């Protein structure tokens, strides 16, 4: 599975670029909750209705500002269908299918490096986690979904850094099947296993 390419609405390139630059700066500085469509539009010098026209919701604007080559919500929606007891394996299969795709990986690496730059912590903790990752727990009907999905994210972020950004061996060249066999039991335990009381 290589994910679904994100569609873009037509619009003047300069206007779109100004909106995306304003959104990117606001999400990094104020986080997802502190960013508003109105404030982004004001910074970009456009009407808020134009931002909605080009990008839709604030969630959509956030993902566009991250410049992801695929919409992770579509990938995750596919993963969430099927037995919950096998969701970790389905997730890792889809995840590795996207990240190992040579046509997509360079853009994903750009996003990953942006997250570890100054301000990137807010993009992750106040943007990507609540917009993309944590809703999956509720979709799967998990107890303590925010807690469980944060644990999952810790494994995934570590995998991205070690396998793709830093390219640490032997993980960097480990076959996909071996990565799935290694990580799936831990991620599945985070999703459905017993967890210590907080």
C-alpha atoms as a PDB file:
ATOM      1  CA  UNK A   1       0.000   0.000   0.000  1.00  0.00           C
ATOM      2  CA  UNK A   2       1.444   3.342  -0.957  1.00  0.00           C
ATOM      3  CA  UNK A   3      -1.236   5.691   0.368  1.00  0.00           C
ATOM      4  CA  UNK A   4      -3.449   8.089  -1.527  1.00  0.00           C
ATOM      5  CA  UNK A   5      -1.973  11.218  -3.044  1.00  0.00           C
ATOM      6  CA  UNK A   6      -3.420  14.359  -1.519  1.00  0.00           C
ATOM      7  CA  UNK A   7      -5.591  16.312  -3.902  1.00  0.00           C
ATOM      8  CA  UNK A   8      -5.243  20.093  -4.104  1.00  0.00           C
ATOM      9  CA  UNK A   9      -7.901  22.617  -4.927  1.00  0.00           C
ATOM     10  CA  UNK A  10      -7.014  25.061  -7.681  1.00  0.00           C
ATOM     11  CA  UNK A  11      -5.869  28.471  -6.555  1.00  0.00           C
ATOM     12  CA  UNK A  12      -3.396  31.217  -7.292  1.00  0.00           C
ATOM     13  CA  UNK A  13       0.042  29.801  -6.384  1.00  0.00           C
ATOM     14  CA  UNK A  14       1.183  33.024  -4.670  1.00  0.00           C
ATOM     15  CA  UNK A  15      -1.969  33.176  -2.547  1.00  0.00           C
ATOM     16  CA  UNK A  16      -1.763  29.504  -1.600  1.00  0.00           C
ATOM     17  CA  UNK A  17       1.923  29.856  -0.753  1.00  0.00           C
ATOM     18  CA  UNK A  18       1.233  32.906   1.436  1.00  0.00           C
ATOM     19  CA  UNK A  19      -1.529  31.075   3.310  1.00  0.00           C
ATOM     20  CA  UNK A  20       0.619  27.957   3.802  1.00  0.00           C
ATOM     21  CA  UNK A  21       3.583  30.038   5.028  1.00  0.00           C
ATOM     22  CA  UNK A  22       1.353  31.882   7.501  1.00  0.00           C
ATOM     23  CA  UNK A  23      -0.219  28.619   8.669  1.00  0.00           C
ATOM     24  CA  UNK A  24       3.137  26.886   9.058  1.00  0.00           C
ATOM     25  CA  UNK A  25       4.499  29.745  11.176  1.00  0.00           C
ATOM     26  CA  UNK A  26       1.369  29.911  13.316  1.00  0.00           C
ATOM     27  CA  UNK A  27       1.198  26.167  13.956  1.00  0.00           C
ATOM     28  CA  UNK A  28       4.886  26.173  14.960  1.00  0.00           C
ATOM     29  CA  UNK A  29       4.566  29.213  17.215  1.00  0.00           C
ATOM     30  CA  UNK A  30       1.082  28.839  18.693  1.00  0.00           C
ATOM     31  CA  UNK A  31       0.373  25.146  18.242  1.00  0.00           C
ATOM     32  CA  UNK A  32      -2.745  23.670  16.680  1.00  0.00           C
ATOM     33  CA  UNK A  33      -5.199  24.896  19.318  1.00  0.00           C
ATOM     34  CA  UNK A  34      -3.776  28.424  19.310  1.00  0.00           C
ATOM     35  CA  UNK A  35      -3.989  28.772  15.528  1.00  0.00           C
ATOM     36  CA  UNK A  36      -7.174  30.086  13.928  1.00  0.00           C
ATOM     37  CA  UNK A  37      -8.205  30.300  10.290  1.00  0.00           C
ATOM     38  CA  UNK A  38      -8.950  34.003  10.824  1.00  0.00           C
ATOM     39  CA  UNK A  39      -5.455  34.724  12.163  1.00  0.00           C
ATOM     40  CA  UNK A  40      -3.790  32.780   9.346  1.00  0.00           C
ATOM     41  CA  UNK A  41      -5.880  34.662   6.787  1.00  0.00           C
ATOM     42  CA  UNK A  42      -4.992  38.005   8.380  1.00  0.00           C
ATOM     43  CA  UNK A  43      -1.264  37.225   8.296  1.00  0.00           C
ATOM     44  CA  UNK A  44      -1.517  36.101   4.665  1.00  0.00           C
ATOM     45  CA  UNK A  45      -3.576  39.176   3.731  1.00  0.00           C
ATOM     46  CA  UNK A  46      -6.590  37.244   2.477  1.00  0.00           C
ATOM     47  CA  UNK A  47     -10.191  36.701   3.500  1.00  0.00           C
ATOM     48  CA  UNK A  48     -10.828  33.743   5.864  1.00  0.00           C
ATOM     49  CA  UNK A  49     -13.397  32.418   3.384  1.00  0.00           C
ATOM     50  CA  UNK A  50     -10.604  32.036   0.829  1.00  0.00           C
ATOM     51  CA  UNK A  51      -8.595  29.888   3.262  1.00  0.00           C
ATOM     52  CA  UNK A  52     -11.650  27.661   3.758  1.00  0.00           C
ATOM     53  CA  UNK A  53     -12.154  27.517  -0.003  1.00  0.00           C
ATOM     54  CA  UNK A  54      -8.587  26.402  -0.699  1.00  0.00           C
ATOM     55  CA  UNK A  55      -8.026  24.141   2.296  1.00  0.00           C
ATOM     56  CA  UNK A  56     -11.334  23.280   3.986  1.00  0.00           C
ATOM     57  CA  UNK A  57     -11.105  22.777   7.736  1.00  0.00           C
ATOM     58  CA  UNK A  58      -8.306  23.685  10.119  1.00  0.00           C
ATOM     59  CA  UNK A  59      -7.333  19.998  10.177  1.00  0.00           C
ATOM     60  CA  UNK A  60      -6.969  20.071   6.386  1.00  0.00           C
ATOM     61  CA  UNK A  61      -4.962  23.308   6.559  1.00  0.00           C
ATOM     62  CA  UNK A  62      -2.624  21.773   9.122  1.00  0.00           C
ATOM     63  CA  UNK A  63      -1.928  18.728   6.951  1.00  0.00           C
ATOM     64  CA  UNK A  64      -1.427  20.930   3.890  1.00  0.00           C
ATOM     65  CA  UNK A  65       1.011  23.102   5.850  1.00  0.00           C
ATOM     66  CA  UNK A  66       2.949  19.977   6.822  1.00  0.00           C
ATOM     67  CA  UNK A  67       3.285  19.270   3.068  1.00  0.00           C
ATOM     68  CA  UNK A  68       2.569  15.571   3.412  1.00  0.00           C
ATOM     69  CA  UNK A  69       2.557  13.679   0.101  1.00  0.00           C
ATOM     70  CA  UNK A  70      -0.287  11.446   1.323  1.00  0.00           C
ATOM     71  CA  UNK A  71      -3.236  12.090   3.603  1.00  0.00           C
ATOM     72  CA  UNK A  72      -2.474   9.996   6.706  1.00  0.00           C
ATOM     73  CA  UNK A  73      -6.144  10.019   7.677  1.00  0.00           C
ATOM     74  CA  UNK A  74      -6.961   7.982   4.563  1.00  0.00           C
ATOM     75  CA  UNK A  75      -4.193   5.500   5.284  1.00  0.00           C
ATOM     76  CA  UNK A  76      -5.309   5.144   8.902  1.00  0.00           C
ATOM     77  CA  UNK A  77      -8.994   4.786   7.980  1.00  0.00           C
ATOM     78  CA  UNK A  78      -8.049   1.692   5.975  1.00  0.00           C
ATOM     79  CA  UNK A  79      -5.985   0.361   8.879  1.00  0.00           C
ATOM     80  CA  UNK A  80      -8.841   0.839  11.350  1.00  0.00           C
ATOM     81  CA  UNK A  81     -11.139  -1.490   9.407  1.00  0.00           C
ATOM     82  CA  UNK A  82     -10.857  -5.135  10.414  1.00  0.00           C
ATOM     83  CA  UNK A  83     -10.266  -7.022  13.656  1.00  0.00           C
ATOM     84  CA  UNK A  84      -8.767  -4.798  16.348  1.00  0.00           C
ATOM     85  CA  UNK A  85      -6.562  -7.707  17.455  1.00  0.00           C
ATOM     86  CA  UNK A  86      -4.651  -7.431  14.141  1.00  0.00           C
ATOM     87  CA  UNK A  87      -4.547  -3.657  13.801  1.00  0.00           C
ATOM     88  CA  UNK A  88      -0.839  -3.292  14.654  1.00  0.00           C
ATOM     89  CA  UNK A  89       0.186  -5.563  11.793  1.00  0.00           C
ATOM     90  CA  UNK A  90      -2.140  -3.757   9.358  1.00  0.00           C
ATOM     91  CA  UNK A  91      -0.820  -0.403  10.552  1.00  0.00           C
ATOM     92  CA  UNK A  92       2.835  -1.333  10.147  1.00  0.00           C
ATOM     93  CA  UNK A  93       2.204  -2.845   6.717  1.00  0.00           C
ATOM     94  CA  UNK A  94       0.587   0.411   5.548  1.00  0.00           C
ATOM     95  CA  UNK A  95       3.149   2.587   7.328  1.00  0.00           C
ATOM     96  CA  UNK A  96       6.158   0.811   5.820  1.00  0.00           C
ATOM     97  CA  UNK A  97       4.469   0.715   2.424  1.00  0.00           C
ATOM     98  CA  UNK A  98       4.301   4.510   2.458  1.00  0.00           C
ATOM     99  CA  UNK A  99       7.709   5.199   4.017  1.00  0.00           C
ATOM    100  CA  UNK A 100       9.559   2.677   1.839  1.00  0.00           C
ATOM    101  CA  UNK A 101       8.076   4.148  -1.352  1.00  0.00           C
ATOM    102  CA  UNK A 102      10.991   5.980  -3.056  1.00  0.00           C
ATOM    103  CA  UNK A 103       8.588   8.421  -4.704  1.00  0.00           C
ATOM    104  CA  UNK A 104       7.160   9.531  -1.353  1.00  0.00           C
ATOM    105  CA  UNK A 105      10.018   9.109   1.112  1.00  0.00           C
ATOM    106  CA  UNK A 106      11.917  12.366   0.332  1.00  0.00           C
ATOM    107  CA  UNK A 107       8.861  14.490   1.140  1.00  0.00           C
ATOM    108  CA  UNK A 108       8.216  12.499   4.317  1.00  0.00           C
ATOM    109  CA  UNK A 109      11.820  12.987   5.410  1.00  0.00           C
ATOM    110  CA  UNK A 110      11.405  16.744   4.967  1.00  0.00           C
ATOM    111  CA  UNK A 111       8.390  16.667   7.277  1.00  0.00           C
ATOM    112  CA  UNK A 112      10.184  14.463   9.826  1.00  0.00           C
ATOM    113  CA  UNK A 113      13.142  16.835   9.949  1.00  0.00           C
ATOM    114  CA  UNK A 114      10.804  19.806  10.385  1.00  0.00           C
ATOM    115  CA  UNK A 115       9.329  18.143  13.487  1.00  0.00           C
ATOM    116  CA  UNK A 116      12.740  17.932  15.162  1.00  0.00           C
ATOM    117  CA  UNK A 117      13.543  21.588  14.424  1.00  0.00           C
ATOM    118  CA  UNK A 118      12.678  24.395  16.899  1.00  0.00           C
ATOM    119  CA  UNK A 119       8.900  24.645  17.141  1.00  0.00           C
ATOM    120  CA  UNK A 120       8.447  21.174  15.747  1.00  0.00           C
ATOM    121  CA  UNK A 121       7.458  19.800  19.131  1.00  0.00           C
ATOM    122  CA  UNK A 122       4.229  21.800  18.970  1.00  0.00           C
ATOM    123  CA  UNK A 123       3.535  20.645  15.426  1.00  0.00           C
ATOM    124  CA  UNK A 124       3.706  17.111  16.761  1.00  0.00           C
ATOM    125  CA  UNK A 125       2.098  17.381  20.194  1.00  0.00           C
ATOM    126  CA  UNK A 126      -0.623  19.913  19.346  1.00  0.00           C
ATOM    127  CA  UNK A 127      -1.122  19.103  15.677  1.00  0.00           C
ATOM    128  CA  UNK A 128      -0.256  15.697  14.308  1.00  0.00           C
ATOM    129  CA  UNK A 129      -1.102  13.737  17.464  1.00  0.00           C
ATOM    130  CA  UNK A 130      -4.610  15.177  18.057  1.00  0.00           C
ATOM    131  CA  UNK A 131      -5.504  15.558  14.364  1.00  0.00           C
ATOM    132  CA  UNK A 132      -4.233  12.246  12.977  1.00  0.00           C
ATOM    133  CA  UNK A 133      -3.075   9.807  15.644  1.00  0.00           C
ATOM    134  CA  UNK A 134      -5.354  10.088  18.675  1.00  0.00           C
ATOM    135  CA  UNK A 135      -8.679   9.909  16.788  1.00  0.00           C
ATOM    136  CA  UNK A 136      -7.685   6.389  15.731  1.00  0.00           C
ATOM    137  CA  UNK A 137      -8.005   5.199  19.332  1.00  0.00           C
ATOM    138  CA  UNK A 138     -11.578   6.442  19.489  1.00  0.00           C
ATOM    139  CA  UNK A 139     -12.296   4.982  16.034  1.00  0.00           C
ATOM    140  CA  UNK A 140     -11.092   1.582  17.265  1.00  0.00           C
ATOM    141  CA  UNK A 141     -13.163   1.875  20.443  1.00  0.00           C
ATOM    142  CA  UNK A 142     -10.130   1.595  22.724  1.00  0.00           C
ATOM    143  CA  UNK A 143     -10.214   2.447  26.399  1.00  0.00           C
ATOM    144  CA  UNK A 144      -7.886   5.350  27.317  1.00  0.00           C
ATOM    145  CA  UNK A 145      -7.415   6.135  23.606  1.00  0.00           C
ATOM    146  CA  UNK A 146      -5.234   9.231  24.049  1.00  0.00           C
ATOM    147  CA  UNK A 147      -2.872   7.380  26.391  1.00  0.00           C
ATOM    148  CA  UNK A 148      -2.645   4.326  24.148  1.00  0.00           C
ATOM    149  CA  UNK A 149      -2.154   6.273  20.911  1.00  0.00           C
ATOM    150  CA  UNK A 150       0.590   8.408  22.477  1.00  0.00           C
ATOM    151  CA  UNK A 151       2.453   5.196  23.330  1.00  0.00           C
ATOM    152  CA  UNK A 152       1.990   4.000  19.738  1.00  0.00           C
ATOM    153  CA  UNK A 153       3.297   7.329  18.465  1.00  0.00           C
ATOM    154  CA  UNK A 154       6.421   6.965  20.617  1.00  0.00           C
ATOM    155  CA  UNK A 155       7.267   3.708  18.832  1.00  0.00           C
ATOM    156  CA  UNK A 156       6.481   5.079  15.389  1.00  0.00           C
ATOM    157  CA  UNK A 157       8.522   8.262  15.872  1.00  0.00           C
ATOM    158  CA  UNK A 158      11.460   6.226  17.104  1.00  0.00           C
ATOM    159  CA  UNK A 159      11.144   3.941  14.084  1.00  0.00           C
ATOM    160  CA  UNK A 160      11.063   6.921  11.704  1.00  0.00           C
ATOM    161  CA  UNK A 161      14.136   8.511  13.276  1.00  0.00           C
ATOM    162  CA  UNK A 162      16.216   5.339  13.470  1.00  0.00           C
ATOM    163  CA  UNK A 163      15.235   3.682  10.151  1.00  0.00           C
ATOM    164  CA  UNK A 164      14.721   6.657   7.849  1.00  0.00           C
ATOM    165  CA  UNK A 165      16.254   9.853   9.248  1.00  0.00           C
ATOM    166  CA  UNK A 166      19.415   8.588  10.970  1.00  0.00           C
ATOM    167  CA  UNK A 167      19.510   5.291   9.016  1.00  0.00           C
ATOM    168  CA  UNK A 168      20.951   3.301  11.901  1.00  0.00           C
ATOM    169  CA  UNK A 169      21.856  -0.280  11.038  1.00  0.00           C
ATOM    170  CA  UNK A 170      20.666  -2.984  11.138  1.00  0.00           C
ATOM    171  CA  UNK A 171      17.228  -1.334  11.383  1.00  0.00           C
ATOM    172  CA  UNK A 172      17.737   0.810   8.275  1.00  0.00           C
ATOM    173  CA  UNK A 173      18.094  -2.186   5.966  1.00  0.00           C
ATOM    174  CA  UNK A 174      15.936  -4.675   7.870  1.00  0.00           C
ATOM    175  CA  UNK A 175      13.345  -6.276   5.552  1.00  0.00           C
ATOM    176  CA  UNK A 176       9.817  -4.977   5.963  1.00  0.00           C
ATOM    177  CA  UNK A 177       8.565  -8.348   7.206  1.00  0.00           C
ATOM    178  CA  UNK A 178      11.176  -8.388   9.961  1.00  0.00           C
ATOM    179  CA  UNK A 179      10.263  -4.855  11.060  1.00  0.00           C
ATOM    180  CA  UNK A 180       6.600  -5.835  11.257  1.00  0.00           C
ATOM    181  CA  UNK A 181       7.376  -9.012  13.208  1.00  0.00           C
ATOM    182  CA  UNK A 182       9.541  -7.035  15.647  1.00  0.00           C
ATOM    183  CA  UNK A 183       7.324  -4.004  16.250  1.00  0.00           C
ATOM    184  CA  UNK A 184       3.786  -5.374  15.856  1.00  0.00           C
ATOM    185  CA  UNK A 185       3.589  -7.212  19.220  1.00  0.00           C
ATOM    186  CA  UNK A 186       4.668  -4.104  21.140  1.00  0.00           C
ATOM    187  CA  UNK A 187       2.312  -1.779  19.271  1.00  0.00           C
ATOM    188  CA  UNK A 188      -0.540  -4.266  19.619  1.00  0.00           C
ATOM    189  CA  UNK A 189       0.074  -4.411  23.388  1.00  0.00           C
ATOM    190  CA  UNK A 190      -0.082  -0.617  23.541  1.00  0.00           C
ATOM    191  CA  UNK A 191      -3.397  -0.745  21.683  1.00  0.00           C
ATOM    192  CA  UNK A 192      -5.242  -3.614  23.343  1.00  0.00           C
ATOM    193  CA  UNK A 193      -3.109  -5.043  26.159  1.00  0.00           C
ATOM    194  CA  UNK A 194      -3.193  -4.361  29.860  1.00  0.00           C
ATOM    195  CA  UNK A 195      -1.522  -1.090  30.831  1.00  0.00           C
ATOM    196  CA  UNK A 196      -0.371   0.057  34.263  1.00  0.00           C
ATOM    197  CA  UNK A 197      -2.672   2.464  36.031  1.00  0.00           C
ATOM    198  CA  UNK A 198      -1.691   6.085  35.438  1.00  0.00           C
END
